[in-house]
């Protein structure tokens, strides 16, 4: 990605996912999710040169073996989720050079093995989530940033298993 002289916002992203599942319902729900990812690699790479931007810049690279998201608003929700990441190398690699930006700069990268999220207000909520990561998860973010008028944020994260359940 090569971008030069922009009066507004510059955004760029690269994403790779082995399996993705999403369930959204307003009814009483039973969910069974089985995800298995294998193979040599699940990877996303971004190489960016961004210069002379009068707004802000946001660059994001992310990968995941398995993702599951459940969102429900019923009386009951029952979830059985099994995720296994056996891919050799879920990884992201971001290389960015950003110069002469009037606003803010954010360069982020993340790689995940198994990711489960749930958001529900069910009166009865049963969740059984099983996550097995057998992979080398890697996240590399390199940034050279010059002459920025606002703030600069650079982050990189590699996570094997992650689960977040919000019940309100």
C-alpha atoms as a PDB file:
ATOM      1  CA  UNK A   1       0.000   0.000   0.000  1.00  0.00           C
ATOM      2  CA  UNK A   2       1.513   3.303  -1.111  1.00  0.00           C
ATOM      3  CA  UNK A   3      -0.437   6.474  -0.378  1.00  0.00           C
ATOM      4  CA  UNK A   4       0.774  10.055  -0.851  1.00  0.00           C
ATOM      5  CA  UNK A   5      -0.952  13.415  -0.335  1.00  0.00           C
ATOM      6  CA  UNK A   6      -4.435  12.909   1.091  1.00  0.00           C
ATOM      7  CA  UNK A   7      -6.607  15.669   2.558  1.00  0.00           C
ATOM      8  CA  UNK A   8      -8.719  13.298   4.684  1.00  0.00           C
ATOM      9  CA  UNK A   9      -8.361   9.977   6.517  1.00  0.00           C
ATOM     10  CA  UNK A  10      -6.239   7.044   5.328  1.00  0.00           C
ATOM     11  CA  UNK A  11      -7.217   3.553   6.483  1.00  0.00           C
ATOM     12  CA  UNK A  12      -5.819   0.182   5.483  1.00  0.00           C
ATOM     13  CA  UNK A  13      -6.442  -3.347   6.688  1.00  0.00           C
ATOM     14  CA  UNK A  14      -5.440  -6.942   5.965  1.00  0.00           C
ATOM     15  CA  UNK A  15      -7.258  -9.931   7.473  1.00  0.00           C
ATOM     16  CA  UNK A  16      -6.990 -13.729   7.315  1.00  0.00           C
ATOM     17  CA  UNK A  17      -9.320 -16.129   9.168  1.00  0.00           C
ATOM     18  CA  UNK A  18      -9.531 -19.916   9.050  1.00  0.00           C
ATOM     19  CA  UNK A  19     -13.129 -20.298  10.338  1.00  0.00           C
ATOM     20  CA  UNK A  20     -15.640 -17.636  11.345  1.00  0.00           C
ATOM     21  CA  UNK A  21     -19.067 -18.233  12.909  1.00  0.00           C
ATOM     22  CA  UNK A  22     -21.685 -15.733  14.049  1.00  0.00           C
ATOM     23  CA  UNK A  23     -25.150 -16.349  15.530  1.00  0.00           C
ATOM     24  CA  UNK A  24     -27.523 -13.459  16.180  1.00  0.00           C
ATOM     25  CA  UNK A  25     -31.040 -14.216  17.441  1.00  0.00           C
ATOM     26  CA  UNK A  26     -33.811 -12.774  19.542  1.00  0.00           C
ATOM     27  CA  UNK A  27     -35.319 -16.221  20.279  1.00  0.00           C
ATOM     28  CA  UNK A  28     -34.612 -18.973  22.806  1.00  0.00           C
ATOM     29  CA  UNK A  29     -31.464 -20.501  21.377  1.00  0.00           C
ATOM     30  CA  UNK A  30     -29.324 -23.630  21.418  1.00  0.00           C
ATOM     31  CA  UNK A  31     -26.007 -23.277  19.578  1.00  0.00           C
ATOM     32  CA  UNK A  32     -23.480 -25.967  18.754  1.00  0.00           C
ATOM     33  CA  UNK A  33     -20.254 -24.690  17.205  1.00  0.00           C
ATOM     34  CA  UNK A  34     -17.398 -26.984  16.125  1.00  0.00           C
ATOM     35  CA  UNK A  35     -14.412 -25.348  14.426  1.00  0.00           C
ATOM     36  CA  UNK A  36     -11.173 -27.009  13.347  1.00  0.00           C
ATOM     37  CA  UNK A  37      -8.430 -25.222  11.395  1.00  0.00           C
ATOM     38  CA  UNK A  38      -5.252 -26.860  10.120  1.00  0.00           C
ATOM     39  CA  UNK A  39      -2.742 -26.422   7.345  1.00  0.00           C
ATOM     40  CA  UNK A  40       0.563 -24.701   6.794  1.00  0.00           C
ATOM     41  CA  UNK A  41      -0.407 -21.102   7.572  1.00  0.00           C
ATOM     42  CA  UNK A  42      -3.155 -18.561   8.098  1.00  0.00           C
ATOM     43  CA  UNK A  43      -1.429 -15.263   7.530  1.00  0.00           C
ATOM     44  CA  UNK A  44      -1.970 -11.626   6.667  1.00  0.00           C
ATOM     45  CA  UNK A  45       0.778  -9.207   5.697  1.00  0.00           C
ATOM     46  CA  UNK A  46       0.677  -5.456   5.228  1.00  0.00           C
ATOM     47  CA  UNK A  47       3.443  -3.288   3.861  1.00  0.00           C
ATOM     48  CA  UNK A  48       2.491   0.379   3.873  1.00  0.00           C
ATOM     49  CA  UNK A  49       4.143   3.664   2.922  1.00  0.00           C
ATOM     50  CA  UNK A  50       1.852   6.578   3.816  1.00  0.00           C
ATOM     51  CA  UNK A  51       3.006  10.185   3.471  1.00  0.00           C
ATOM     52  CA  UNK A  52       1.622  13.726   3.491  1.00  0.00           C
ATOM     53  CA  UNK A  53      -1.786  13.167   5.091  1.00  0.00           C
ATOM     54  CA  UNK A  54      -3.795  16.147   6.342  1.00  0.00           C
ATOM     55  CA  UNK A  55      -6.091  13.907   8.414  1.00  0.00           C
ATOM     56  CA  UNK A  56      -5.317  10.762  10.421  1.00  0.00           C
ATOM     57  CA  UNK A  57      -3.963   7.300   9.531  1.00  0.00           C
ATOM     58  CA  UNK A  58      -5.188   3.911  10.760  1.00  0.00           C
ATOM     59  CA  UNK A  59      -3.544   0.634   9.696  1.00  0.00           C
ATOM     60  CA  UNK A  60      -4.719  -2.729  11.054  1.00  0.00           C
ATOM     61  CA  UNK A  61      -3.640  -6.316  10.310  1.00  0.00           C
ATOM     62  CA  UNK A  62      -5.287  -9.314  11.983  1.00  0.00           C
ATOM     63  CA  UNK A  63      -5.439 -13.096  11.730  1.00  0.00           C
ATOM     64  CA  UNK A  64      -7.296 -15.846  13.562  1.00  0.00           C
ATOM     65  CA  UNK A  65      -7.651 -19.605  13.292  1.00  0.00           C
ATOM     66  CA  UNK A  66     -11.217 -19.749  14.645  1.00  0.00           C
ATOM     67  CA  UNK A  67     -13.684 -17.052  15.679  1.00  0.00           C
ATOM     68  CA  UNK A  68     -17.171 -17.500  17.103  1.00  0.00           C
ATOM     69  CA  UNK A  69     -19.559 -14.740  18.150  1.00  0.00           C
ATOM     70  CA  UNK A  70     -22.983 -15.364  19.728  1.00  0.00           C
ATOM     71  CA  UNK A  71     -25.438 -12.534  20.395  1.00  0.00           C
ATOM     72  CA  UNK A  72     -28.870 -13.339  21.844  1.00  0.00           C
ATOM     73  CA  UNK A  73     -31.744 -11.658  23.693  1.00  0.00           C
ATOM     74  CA  UNK A  74     -34.113 -14.520  24.681  1.00  0.00           C
ATOM     75  CA  UNK A  75     -35.256 -16.268  27.887  1.00  0.00           C
ATOM     76  CA  UNK A  76     -32.539 -18.899  27.591  1.00  0.00           C
ATOM     77  CA  UNK A  77     -29.340 -19.500  25.649  1.00  0.00           C
ATOM     78  CA  UNK A  78     -27.399 -22.773  25.602  1.00  0.00           C
ATOM     79  CA  UNK A  79     -24.029 -22.783  23.838  1.00  0.00           C
ATOM     80  CA  UNK A  80     -21.577 -25.636  23.265  1.00  0.00           C
ATOM     81  CA  UNK A  81     -18.526 -24.339  21.436  1.00  0.00           C
ATOM     82  CA  UNK A  82     -15.435 -26.347  20.463  1.00  0.00           C
ATOM     83  CA  UNK A  83     -12.502 -24.656  18.742  1.00  0.00           C
ATOM     84  CA  UNK A  84      -9.237 -26.312  17.747  1.00  0.00           C
ATOM     85  CA  UNK A  85      -6.404 -24.428  16.070  1.00  0.00           C
ATOM     86  CA  UNK A  86      -3.894 -26.815  14.505  1.00  0.00           C
ATOM     87  CA  UNK A  87      -2.602 -24.557  11.732  1.00  0.00           C
ATOM     88  CA  UNK A  88       1.162 -24.356  11.625  1.00  0.00           C
ATOM     89  CA  UNK A  89       1.505 -20.586  11.835  1.00  0.00           C
ATOM     90  CA  UNK A  90      -1.402 -18.170  12.316  1.00  0.00           C
ATOM     91  CA  UNK A  91       0.488 -14.900  12.021  1.00  0.00           C
ATOM     92  CA  UNK A  92       0.370 -11.291  10.998  1.00  0.00           C
ATOM     93  CA  UNK A  93       3.227  -9.126   9.813  1.00  0.00           C
ATOM     94  CA  UNK A  94       2.891  -5.346   9.506  1.00  0.00           C
ATOM     95  CA  UNK A  95       5.609  -3.065   8.176  1.00  0.00           C
ATOM     96  CA  UNK A  96       4.637   0.596   8.032  1.00  0.00           C
ATOM     97  CA  UNK A  97       6.375   3.856   7.286  1.00  0.00           C
ATOM     98  CA  UNK A  98       4.188   6.869   7.989  1.00  0.00           C
ATOM     99  CA  UNK A  99       5.404  10.454   7.602  1.00  0.00           C
ATOM    100  CA  UNK A 100       4.027  13.997   7.624  1.00  0.00           C
ATOM    101  CA  UNK A 101       0.586  13.446   9.164  1.00  0.00           C
ATOM    102  CA  UNK A 102      -1.429  16.331  10.619  1.00  0.00           C
ATOM    103  CA  UNK A 103      -3.674  14.099  12.778  1.00  0.00           C
ATOM    104  CA  UNK A 104      -3.233  10.847  14.689  1.00  0.00           C
ATOM    105  CA  UNK A 105      -1.487   7.617  13.628  1.00  0.00           C
ATOM    106  CA  UNK A 106      -2.526   4.121  14.773  1.00  0.00           C
ATOM    107  CA  UNK A 107      -0.745   0.971  13.575  1.00  0.00           C
ATOM    108  CA  UNK A 108      -2.068  -2.271  15.085  1.00  0.00           C
ATOM    109  CA  UNK A 109      -1.570  -5.971  14.504  1.00  0.00           C
ATOM    110  CA  UNK A 110      -3.056  -9.033  16.170  1.00  0.00           C
ATOM    111  CA  UNK A 111      -2.974 -12.808  15.744  1.00  0.00           C
ATOM    112  CA  UNK A 112      -5.229 -15.237  17.578  1.00  0.00           C
ATOM    113  CA  UNK A 113      -5.735 -18.969  17.762  1.00  0.00           C
ATOM    114  CA  UNK A 114      -9.289 -19.398  19.102  1.00  0.00           C
ATOM    115  CA  UNK A 115     -11.554 -16.454  19.877  1.00  0.00           C
ATOM    116  CA  UNK A 116     -15.027 -16.784  21.447  1.00  0.00           C
ATOM    117  CA  UNK A 117     -17.309 -13.851  22.311  1.00  0.00           C
ATOM    118  CA  UNK A 118     -20.866 -13.813  23.604  1.00  0.00           C
ATOM    119  CA  UNK A 119     -23.284 -11.028  24.426  1.00  0.00           C
ATOM    120  CA  UNK A 120     -26.654 -11.950  25.974  1.00  0.00           C
ATOM    121  CA  UNK A 121     -29.300 -10.824  28.395  1.00  0.00           C
ATOM    122  CA  UNK A 122     -30.908 -14.287  28.658  1.00  0.00           C
ATOM    123  CA  UNK A 123     -32.342 -15.125  32.058  1.00  0.00           C
ATOM    124  CA  UNK A 124     -30.780 -18.598  31.800  1.00  0.00           C
ATOM    125  CA  UNK A 125     -27.388 -18.706  30.086  1.00  0.00           C
ATOM    126  CA  UNK A 126     -25.332 -21.909  29.840  1.00  0.00           C
ATOM    127  CA  UNK A 127     -21.956 -21.765  28.068  1.00  0.00           C
ATOM    128  CA  UNK A 128     -19.532 -24.617  27.531  1.00  0.00           C
ATOM    129  CA  UNK A 129     -16.529 -23.429  25.542  1.00  0.00           C
ATOM    130  CA  UNK A 130     -13.568 -25.675  24.828  1.00  0.00           C
ATOM    131  CA  UNK A 131     -10.481 -24.174  23.150  1.00  0.00           C
ATOM    132  CA  UNK A 132      -7.376 -26.089  22.090  1.00  0.00           C
ATOM    133  CA  UNK A 133      -4.438 -24.259  20.560  1.00  0.00           C
ATOM    134  CA  UNK A 134      -1.682 -26.365  18.973  1.00  0.00           C
ATOM    135  CA  UNK A 135      -0.168 -23.590  16.862  1.00  0.00           C
ATOM    136  CA  UNK A 136       2.647 -21.078  16.928  1.00  0.00           C
ATOM    137  CA  UNK A 137       0.829 -17.742  17.069  1.00  0.00           C
ATOM    138  CA  UNK A 138       2.939 -14.790  15.910  1.00  0.00           C
ATOM    139  CA  UNK A 139       2.329 -11.061  15.641  1.00  0.00           C
ATOM    140  CA  UNK A 140       4.993  -8.696  14.312  1.00  0.00           C
ATOM    141  CA  UNK A 141       4.357  -4.973  13.942  1.00  0.00           C
ATOM    142  CA  UNK A 142       7.114  -2.618  12.797  1.00  0.00           C
ATOM    143  CA  UNK A 143       6.507   1.084  12.343  1.00  0.00           C
ATOM    144  CA  UNK A 144       8.637   4.059  11.424  1.00  0.00           C
ATOM    145  CA  UNK A 145       6.650   7.219  12.129  1.00  0.00           C
ATOM    146  CA  UNK A 146       7.841  10.801  11.489  1.00  0.00           C
ATOM    147  CA  UNK A 147       6.402  14.328  11.786  1.00  0.00           C
ATOM    148  CA  UNK A 148       2.986  13.652  13.330  1.00  0.00           C
ATOM    149  CA  UNK A 149       0.762  16.463  14.604  1.00  0.00           C
ATOM    150  CA  UNK A 150      -1.388  14.224  16.845  1.00  0.00           C
ATOM    151  CA  UNK A 151      -0.827  11.086  18.867  1.00  0.00           C
ATOM    152  CA  UNK A 152       0.882   7.848  17.784  1.00  0.00           C
ATOM    153  CA  UNK A 153      -0.205   4.354  18.834  1.00  0.00           C
ATOM    154  CA  UNK A 154       1.574   1.154  17.788  1.00  0.00           C
ATOM    155  CA  UNK A 155       0.532  -2.254  19.127  1.00  0.00           C
ATOM    156  CA  UNK A 156       1.041  -5.936  18.449  1.00  0.00           C
ATOM    157  CA  UNK A 157      -0.644  -8.888  20.180  1.00  0.00           C
ATOM    158  CA  UNK A 158      -0.480 -12.679  19.864  1.00  0.00           C
ATOM    159  CA  UNK A 159      -3.076 -14.678  21.835  1.00  0.00           C
ATOM    160  CA  UNK A 160      -3.581 -18.451  21.829  1.00  0.00           C
ATOM    161  CA  UNK A 161      -7.118 -18.640  23.292  1.00  0.00           C
ATOM    162  CA  UNK A 162      -9.558 -15.905  24.240  1.00  0.00           C
ATOM    163  CA  UNK A 163     -13.111 -15.971  25.582  1.00  0.00           C
ATOM    164  CA  UNK A 164     -15.297 -13.031  26.574  1.00  0.00           C
ATOM    165  CA  UNK A 165     -18.861 -13.393  27.841  1.00  0.00           C
ATOM    166  CA  UNK A 166     -21.002 -10.359  28.572  1.00  0.00           C
ATOM    167  CA  UNK A 167     -24.229 -11.139  30.403  1.00  0.00           C
ATOM    168  CA  UNK A 168     -26.405  -8.210  31.390  1.00  0.00           C
END
